[in-house]
Amino acid sequence: MAETLRVARLFFVLLVLVTTGRWLMGTFGVPYEKGHHVFSIVILTMFACLFYGAFTRRWLDYRLIQAVLLGVVMGLAGQVLILVLTAFSYVFGLETYFNHPTALNSPEALSFGKAMGVRLGGLIGNSIGAGITTALGWALGGLLPKK
C-alpha cells in the first residue's frame, strides 16, 4: 500500500488543488451553473486513472490488479473528500458546490441524511468506476513506447 500511495502523490496534490478551487468558487458565490465544471473532482479522478493505468503498466511494469488497486485508492480518496466536504457544508450551514441540489442529483435541496446516502452511493460507485477506468488505461498502456 505504501508503494501505491507513493506513486499517487501527484494525484493527491492535484486533488487538493482542484478541491480547494471548487470549495472557493462555491463559497465566494460563483453560481453552480456557471462554475461547477471548472473544478471537477470526478473528472480529475477519471483522467488520472486512465493515465496512471497506462503509465504504470508500461513504465513501472504494474500488473492489472496493481493498477486497478491504485485506481480504486484514487477513487476512494476523491469520494471520501467529497463526502466529508458535503457533511461539513451541512453541519455548518454553508452553501457550497458540495451540497448544491444539482450536485446531489436532486431537483430540490436534500436533508443531511439523504445527501449522505447519495454521497455513500457515489463513494461505492465512483470507486468501482475508477478501478474500471484504470483497467481501461492499463489496457491502453500497451500502446506506449517501452522504457
Protein backbone atom coordinates (compact mmCIF):
# COMPACT_ATOMS: atom_id res chain seq x y z
CA MET A 1 0.00 0.00 0.00
CA ALA A 2 2.90 2.37 0.70
CA GLU A 3 4.04 1.99 -2.91
CA THR A 4 0.52 2.79 -4.15
CA LEU A 5 0.40 5.96 -2.06
CA ARG A 6 3.90 6.97 -3.22
CA VAL A 7 3.01 6.56 -6.88
CA ALA A 8 -0.22 8.57 -6.43
CA ARG A 9 1.45 11.60 -4.81
CA LEU A 10 0.96 13.84 -7.85
CA PHE A 11 -2.71 12.89 -7.99
CA PHE A 12 -3.14 13.81 -4.32
CA VAL A 13 -1.57 17.24 -4.89
CA LEU A 14 -3.88 17.84 -7.86
CA LEU A 15 -6.84 16.59 -5.82
CA VAL A 16 -6.12 19.17 -3.11
CA LEU A 17 -5.78 21.96 -5.70
CA VAL A 18 -8.99 21.06 -7.53
CA THR A 19 -10.93 20.59 -4.29
CA THR A 20 -9.70 23.95 -2.99
CA GLY A 21 -10.72 25.64 -6.23
CA ARG A 22 -14.14 24.01 -6.13
CA TRP A 23 -14.65 24.97 -2.49
CA LEU A 24 -13.62 28.59 -3.08
CA MET A 25 -15.84 29.01 -6.13
CA GLY A 26 -18.83 27.81 -4.14
CA THR A 27 -18.13 29.82 -1.03
CA PHE A 28 -17.38 33.02 -2.98
CA GLY A 29 -20.79 32.85 -4.64
CA VAL A 30 -20.00 31.77 -8.20
CA PRO A 31 -23.34 30.27 -9.33
CA TYR A 32 -23.18 26.48 -9.56
CA GLU A 33 -24.41 26.51 -13.16
CA LYS A 34 -21.53 28.77 -14.20
CA GLY A 35 -18.69 27.21 -12.28
CA HIS A 36 -19.25 23.56 -11.41
CA HIS A 37 -17.42 22.30 -14.48
CA VAL A 38 -14.25 24.32 -13.84
CA PHE A 39 -13.01 22.19 -10.93
CA SER A 40 -14.37 18.65 -11.10
CA ILE A 41 -13.03 16.05 -8.69
CA VAL A 42 -14.67 13.16 -10.55
CA ILE A 43 -13.29 14.23 -13.94
CA LEU A 44 -9.81 14.72 -12.44
CA THR A 45 -10.01 11.25 -10.92
CA MET A 46 -11.15 9.57 -14.14
CA PHE A 47 -8.42 11.18 -16.27
CA ALA A 48 -5.83 10.37 -13.62
CA CYS A 49 -6.99 6.75 -13.59
CA LEU A 50 -6.64 6.49 -17.36
CA PHE A 51 -3.15 7.98 -17.37
CA TYR A 52 -1.92 6.18 -14.27
CA GLY A 53 -3.22 2.87 -15.61
CA ALA A 54 -1.36 3.34 -18.90
CA PHE A 55 1.88 4.69 -17.48
CA THR A 56 2.21 2.27 -14.60
CA ARG A 57 1.76 -0.65 -16.97
CA ARG A 58 4.38 0.45 -19.42
CA TRP A 59 6.98 2.14 -17.24
CA LEU A 60 6.56 0.59 -13.80
CA ASP A 61 5.56 -2.89 -15.04
CA TYR A 62 2.39 -2.96 -12.97
CA ARG A 63 0.14 -5.96 -13.33
CA LEU A 64 -3.54 -5.29 -13.96
CA ILE A 65 -4.53 -5.87 -10.33
CA GLN A 66 -1.88 -3.41 -9.09
CA ALA A 67 -3.14 -0.73 -11.46
CA VAL A 68 -6.77 -1.35 -10.51
CA LEU A 69 -5.88 -1.11 -6.80
CA LEU A 70 -4.19 2.24 -7.49
CA GLY A 71 -7.31 3.47 -9.31
CA VAL A 72 -9.64 2.35 -6.53
CA VAL A 73 -7.45 4.13 -3.96
CA MET A 74 -7.56 7.34 -6.02
CA GLY A 75 -11.32 6.99 -6.49
CA LEU A 76 -11.86 6.42 -2.76
CA ALA A 77 -9.71 9.44 -1.89
CA GLY A 78 -11.74 11.73 -4.11
CA GLN A 79 -15.06 10.39 -2.95
CA VAL A 80 -14.16 10.50 0.74
CA LEU A 81 -13.15 14.12 0.27
CA ILE A 82 -16.49 14.86 -1.42
CA LEU A 83 -18.40 13.08 1.36
CA VAL A 84 -16.53 14.92 4.13
CA LEU A 85 -16.96 18.34 2.50
CA THR A 86 -20.65 17.66 1.91
CA ALA A 87 -21.08 16.82 5.59
CA PHE A 88 -19.04 19.90 6.56
CA SER A 89 -21.26 22.09 4.36
CA TYR A 90 -24.43 20.75 6.00
CA VAL A 91 -23.13 20.86 9.57
CA PHE A 92 -22.01 24.48 9.27
CA GLY A 93 -24.95 25.62 7.14
CA LEU A 94 -22.78 26.65 4.20
CA GLU A 95 -23.96 26.81 0.60
CA THR A 96 -21.21 25.15 -1.41
CA TYR A 97 -20.86 23.15 -4.60
CA PHE A 98 -20.81 20.05 -2.39
CA ASN A 99 -24.37 20.40 -1.08
CA HIS A 100 -25.96 22.06 -4.11
CA PRO A 101 -29.06 20.09 -5.20
CA THR A 102 -27.72 19.55 -8.73
CA ALA A 103 -24.50 18.09 -7.31
CA LEU A 104 -26.67 15.68 -5.35
CA ASN A 105 -28.74 14.75 -8.44
CA SER A 106 -31.87 16.30 -6.97
CA PRO A 107 -34.28 18.99 -8.19
CA GLU A 108 -34.54 20.43 -4.66
CA ALA A 109 -32.39 20.65 -1.53
CA LEU A 110 -31.94 17.38 0.33
CA SER A 111 -31.82 16.71 4.04
CA PHE A 112 -28.47 15.82 5.57
CA GLY A 113 -29.34 12.12 5.79
CA LYS A 114 -30.48 11.85 2.18
CA ALA A 115 -27.43 13.78 0.98
CA MET A 116 -25.12 11.43 2.87
CA GLY A 117 -26.93 8.48 1.29
CA VAL A 118 -26.31 9.93 -2.16
CA ARG A 119 -22.66 10.53 -1.31
CA LEU A 120 -22.22 6.98 0.05
CA GLY A 121 -23.62 5.64 -3.21
CA GLY A 122 -21.11 7.80 -5.05
CA LEU A 123 -18.32 6.56 -2.82
CA ILE A 124 -19.04 2.97 -3.80
CA GLY A 125 -20.00 3.54 -7.44
CA ASN A 126 -17.28 6.03 -8.34
CA SER A 127 -14.57 3.99 -6.61
CA ILE A 128 -15.56 0.96 -8.67
CA GLY A 129 -15.72 3.20 -11.75
CA ALA A 130 -12.22 4.45 -11.01
CA GLY A 131 -10.94 0.88 -10.89
CA ILE A 132 -12.61 0.08 -14.22
CA THR A 133 -11.24 3.27 -15.78
CA THR A 134 -7.75 2.37 -14.56
CA ALA A 135 -8.11 -1.09 -16.10
CA LEU A 136 -9.01 0.58 -19.39
CA GLY A 137 -5.95 2.83 -19.07
CA TRP A 138 -3.83 -0.21 -18.30
CA ALA A 139 -5.11 -1.91 -21.45
CA LEU A 140 -4.25 1.18 -23.50
CA GLY A 141 -0.80 1.30 -21.87
CA GLY A 142 0.36 -1.28 -24.36
CA LEU A 143 0.34 1.49 -26.96
CA LEU A 144 3.04 3.45 -25.13
CA PRO A 145 6.72 3.01 -26.09
CA LYS A 146 8.94 0.84 -23.88
CA LYS A 147 11.04 2.38 -21.08
